[in-house]
Amino acid sequence: MTSDISFEEAVDKIIDEDADYENVTEECFTSTKSFWNFPCAHRQYRHDGNCHLIHGYSRSFHFVFGIKSFTKEGFAVDYGDLKELKAHLDHMYDHTLVLDEDDPHMDKFRQLENAGVCRIRTHPMGPGMEGTAHYLCEWTDKWLRKRTRGRAWVISVEARENDKNSSIYTNPNAGFKGWIG
C-alpha cells in the first residue's frame, strides 16, 4: 500500500494533538507489558489428579495491545498509565485463593475467608491458566478501551503459572471498534 504523504508528515499527523483522528489510518503496531511474581493458590476441583488439591504458584501475565493511533507523546500504550491494571492484578492474585465459582466446598472456603485464613477470588471459566487468561483479557480490554477512548485494545493475554506452563487467550473482539466518548 502506498501513501501520498511522506513518513514525516504521517508521524506529524499522528502525534499532533489537534489531528483529525477520524482520518488516521490504523497502525500495525503492537505493544506488550508483562507483570511478574503474583503469589497465589488455586485448585481445580474437577481434576482427577493432584490439581484438585490447593496448590500455589507465582503467576505472571503478558499482555499484547493493539492501537488505532499513537498518543500525542508517540506511545502505543503509556506503561505509566497501567497502574489500575497492576492494582487489579494485585487484588486478584497477590496472596489469594482462586477457585471455581461452583466449587462444591465453597461454603467451607468462605468460612475460612471469614475467619481471616484466605482471600477468595473466582473466575467464570475456572481458576486455571485458561480461565485466568480469558478473564484478564476481557477485563483489561474493556478497561483499556474506556481509558483510551477506543484507541487501544487487548490482542491477547498469556497467563503463566510457572516457567513451564501457560495459556494464551486471543481476543476475538480485538481491533478498532470506534471512538468512545
Protein backbone atom coordinates (compact mmCIF):
# COMPACT_ATOMS: atom_id res chain seq x y z
CA MET A 1 0.00 0.00 0.00
CA THR A 2 1.41 3.39 -0.95
CA SER A 3 0.73 6.75 0.60
CA ASP A 4 0.55 10.23 -0.87
CA ILE A 5 2.27 11.75 2.19
CA SER A 6 5.80 11.33 3.48
CA PHE A 7 6.68 9.35 6.58
CA GLU A 8 7.48 12.55 8.48
CA GLU A 9 4.10 14.06 7.53
CA ALA A 10 2.33 10.89 8.66
CA VAL A 11 4.13 10.95 12.04
CA ASP A 12 3.32 14.64 12.49
CA LYS A 13 -0.33 13.92 11.74
CA ILE A 14 -0.48 11.03 14.21
CA ILE A 15 1.11 12.83 17.16
CA ASP A 16 -0.50 16.22 16.60
CA GLU A 17 -2.96 16.84 19.45
CA ASP A 18 -5.32 18.59 17.03
CA ALA A 19 -5.14 15.86 14.39
CA ASP A 20 -8.31 14.67 12.75
CA TYR A 21 -8.25 11.18 14.29
CA GLU A 22 -11.15 10.04 12.12
CA ASN A 23 -8.76 10.10 9.13
CA VAL A 24 -5.72 8.46 10.75
CA THR A 25 -5.14 5.04 9.23
CA GLU A 26 -4.97 2.06 11.55
CA GLU A 27 -1.41 1.36 12.65
CA CYS A 28 0.25 -2.02 12.59
CA PHE A 29 2.00 -1.54 15.92
CA THR A 30 1.59 -3.68 18.98
CA SER A 31 2.87 -3.04 22.47
CA THR A 32 3.49 -5.51 25.29
CA LYS A 33 3.57 -5.33 29.06
CA SER A 34 4.48 -8.12 31.47
CA PHE A 35 3.76 -8.39 35.18
CA TRP A 36 5.63 -10.96 37.28
CA ASN A 37 5.54 -12.74 40.64
CA PHE A 38 1.97 -12.86 41.92
CA PRO A 39 1.93 -15.49 44.67
CA CYS A 40 -1.45 -17.17 44.79
CA ALA A 41 -3.05 -20.57 45.17
CA HIS A 42 -5.81 -22.32 43.31
CA ARG A 43 -7.46 -25.66 42.96
CA GLN A 44 -9.14 -27.42 40.05
CA TYR A 45 -11.83 -29.39 41.87
CA ARG A 46 -12.83 -31.29 38.70
CA HIS A 47 -9.31 -32.70 38.18
CA ASP A 48 -8.78 -36.37 38.99
CA GLY A 49 -5.09 -35.82 39.74
CA ASN A 50 -3.22 -33.62 42.19
CA CYS A 51 -4.64 -30.36 40.81
CA HIS A 52 -7.84 -30.91 42.80
CA LEU A 53 -5.73 -30.07 45.87
CA ILE A 54 -4.96 -26.48 46.84
CA HIS A 55 -1.56 -25.61 45.40
CA GLY A 56 0.30 -22.40 44.72
CA TYR A 57 2.28 -20.70 42.02
CA SER A 58 3.96 -17.42 41.31
CA ARG A 59 1.77 -16.28 38.43
CA SER A 60 2.85 -13.90 35.71
CA PHE A 61 0.98 -12.19 32.90
CA HIS A 62 1.92 -10.95 29.45
CA PHE A 63 -0.41 -8.53 27.64
CA VAL A 64 -0.29 -7.66 23.93
CA PHE A 65 -2.00 -4.40 23.00
CA GLY A 66 -3.12 -3.10 19.60
CA ILE A 67 -3.72 0.52 18.67
CA LYS A 68 -5.58 2.72 16.19
CA SER A 69 -3.14 5.59 16.65
CA PHE A 70 -0.31 6.74 18.88
CA THR A 71 -0.70 9.04 21.87
CA LYS A 72 0.46 12.62 21.41
CA GLU A 73 3.75 11.50 23.03
CA GLY A 74 4.20 8.81 20.40
CA PHE A 75 3.33 5.84 22.64
CA ALA A 76 1.23 2.86 21.65
CA VAL A 77 0.33 2.36 25.33
CA ASP A 78 1.77 4.54 28.08
CA TYR A 79 3.05 1.98 30.61
CA GLY A 80 2.77 4.58 33.37
CA ASP A 81 -0.99 4.59 32.81
CA LEU A 82 -1.30 0.89 33.67
CA LYS A 83 -1.35 1.41 37.45
CA GLU A 84 -5.04 0.49 37.65
CA LEU A 85 -4.34 -2.77 35.79
CA LYS A 86 -1.49 -3.53 38.21
CA ALA A 87 -3.79 -2.79 41.16
CA HIS A 88 -6.38 -5.19 39.74
CA LEU A 89 -3.74 -7.91 39.35
CA ASP A 90 -2.66 -7.33 42.96
CA HIS A 91 -6.28 -7.58 44.12
CA MET A 92 -6.91 -10.80 42.19
CA TYR A 93 -3.61 -12.66 42.57
CA ASP A 94 -1.47 -11.35 45.44
CA HIS A 95 -1.79 -13.89 48.26
CA THR A 96 -5.23 -15.06 47.17
CA LEU A 97 -7.00 -18.37 46.63
CA VAL A 98 -8.58 -18.60 43.17
CA LEU A 99 -11.48 -21.05 42.91
CA ASP A 100 -14.21 -22.16 40.54
CA GLU A 101 -17.41 -20.23 41.19
CA ASP A 102 -19.20 -23.57 41.65
CA ASP A 103 -16.58 -25.35 43.80
CA PRO A 104 -18.59 -27.84 45.91
CA HIS A 105 -16.66 -26.77 49.04
CA MET A 106 -17.20 -23.04 48.51
CA ASP A 107 -19.16 -22.72 51.79
CA LYS A 108 -16.17 -24.12 53.72
CA PHE A 109 -13.76 -21.85 51.86
CA ARG A 110 -15.99 -18.85 52.63
CA GLN A 111 -15.89 -19.80 56.33
CA LEU A 112 -12.09 -19.82 56.15
CA GLU A 113 -12.16 -16.45 54.41
CA ASN A 114 -14.47 -15.04 57.12
CA ALA A 115 -12.01 -16.34 59.72
CA GLY A 116 -9.20 -14.42 58.00
CA VAL A 117 -7.40 -17.53 56.71
CA CYS A 118 -7.65 -16.77 52.98
CA ARG A 119 -8.89 -14.27 50.40
CA ILE A 120 -11.05 -15.93 47.75
CA ARG A 121 -11.29 -14.85 44.14
CA THR A 122 -13.32 -16.62 41.45
CA HIS A 123 -13.28 -16.73 37.67
CA PRO A 124 -16.28 -17.57 35.48
CA MET A 125 -14.19 -20.07 33.47
CA GLY A 126 -12.32 -21.53 36.42
CA PRO A 127 -9.07 -20.83 38.25
CA GLY A 128 -6.62 -22.40 35.79
CA MET A 129 -4.44 -20.51 33.37
CA GLU A 130 -7.05 -20.82 30.61
CA GLY A 131 -9.77 -19.21 32.73
CA THR A 132 -7.32 -16.62 34.04
CA ALA A 133 -6.15 -15.58 30.57
CA HIS A 134 -9.77 -15.31 29.37
CA TYR A 135 -10.87 -13.31 32.42
CA LEU A 136 -7.94 -10.88 32.24
CA CYS A 137 -8.33 -10.37 28.50
CA GLU A 138 -12.00 -9.42 28.85
CA TRP A 139 -11.47 -7.23 31.94
CA THR A 140 -8.42 -5.44 30.55
CA ASP A 141 -9.85 -4.93 27.07
CA LYS A 142 -12.97 -3.25 28.49
CA TRP A 143 -10.87 -1.10 30.85
CA LEU A 144 -8.28 -0.11 28.22
CA ARG A 145 -10.83 0.81 25.56
CA LYS A 146 -12.62 3.06 28.04
CA ARG A 147 -9.37 4.62 29.27
CA THR A 148 -8.09 5.36 25.73
CA ARG A 149 -11.49 6.28 24.21
CA GLY A 150 -11.24 3.20 21.97
CA ARG A 151 -7.75 3.99 20.66
CA ALA A 152 -6.15 0.86 22.19
CA TRP A 153 -7.31 -2.68 22.95
CA VAL A 154 -6.05 -6.07 24.10
CA ILE A 155 -4.98 -8.53 21.41
CA SER A 156 -4.05 -11.38 23.75
CA VAL A 157 -3.15 -12.30 27.31
CA GLU A 158 -0.78 -15.02 28.44
CA ALA A 159 -1.30 -16.30 31.98
CA ARG A 160 1.66 -18.27 33.30
CA GLU A 161 1.63 -20.39 36.45
CA ASN A 162 5.35 -21.22 36.32
CA ASP A 163 8.26 -21.43 33.88
CA LYS A 164 6.76 -24.50 32.19
CA ASN A 165 3.02 -23.87 31.89
CA SER A 166 0.95 -21.07 30.44
CA SER A 167 -2.20 -20.41 28.47
CA ILE A 168 -2.80 -17.68 25.92
CA TYR A 169 -6.23 -16.26 25.17
CA THR A 170 -6.58 -14.34 21.91
CA ASN A 171 -9.26 -11.66 21.96
CA PRO A 172 -11.91 -12.40 19.29
CA ASN A 173 -13.02 -8.74 19.56
CA ALA A 174 -9.57 -7.20 19.02
CA GLY A 175 -9.38 -4.24 16.68
CA PHE A 176 -10.69 -0.73 16.40
CA LYS A 177 -14.43 -0.54 17.19
CA GLY A 178 -14.87 3.23 17.02
CA TRP A 179 -14.08 6.18 19.23
CA ILE A 180 -15.58 6.24 22.72
CA GLY A 181 -16.97 9.45 24.23
